[in-house]
Amino acid sequence: ELELEKFITHHLPFSEINTAFDLMLSGQGIRCIINMQ
């Protein structure tokens, strides 16, 4: 069983979704959580 919480590197608002993709593509982020509110 994998503990996925260990792989969450960033929590970002929806307005910063492009930043989340940039972080993941650059290797700085493994898993970004987007807050839809």
Protein backbone atom coordinates (compact mmCIF):
# COMPACT_ATOMS: atom_id res chain seq x y z
CA GLU A 1 0.00 0.00 0.00
CA LEU A 2 1.37 3.39 -1.00
CA GLU A 3 1.01 6.39 1.27
CA LEU A 4 0.26 9.03 -1.36
CA GLU A 5 0.37 11.90 1.13
CA LYS A 6 4.16 11.54 1.19
CA PHE A 7 4.30 12.47 -2.49
CA ILE A 8 2.29 15.72 -2.20
CA THR A 9 4.78 18.53 -2.62
CA HIS A 10 2.55 21.58 -3.15
CA HIS A 11 -0.96 22.86 -2.38
CA LEU A 12 -2.04 25.62 -4.78
CA PRO A 13 -5.27 27.51 -5.56
CA PHE A 14 -6.93 26.94 -8.92
CA SER A 15 -5.75 30.36 -10.06
CA GLU A 16 -2.17 28.99 -9.97
CA ILE A 17 -2.81 25.80 -11.95
CA ASN A 18 -0.22 26.78 -14.56
CA THR A 19 2.37 27.10 -11.80
CA ALA A 20 1.48 23.56 -10.68
CA PHE A 21 2.14 22.20 -14.17
CA ASP A 22 5.42 24.13 -14.38
CA LEU A 23 6.54 22.69 -11.02
CA MET A 24 5.77 19.14 -12.12
CA LEU A 25 7.37 19.52 -15.56
CA SER A 26 10.54 20.98 -14.06
CA GLY A 27 10.80 18.16 -11.51
CA GLN A 28 10.34 20.48 -8.52
CA GLY A 29 6.91 19.05 -7.75
CA ILE A 30 5.87 15.42 -7.63
CA ARG A 31 2.18 15.85 -6.90
CA CYS A 32 0.40 19.19 -6.65
CA ILE A 33 -2.99 19.51 -5.00
CA ILE A 34 -5.26 22.11 -6.61
CA ASN A 35 -7.78 23.80 -4.33
CA MET A 36 -10.89 24.48 -6.42
CA GLN A 37 -12.33 27.11 -4.07
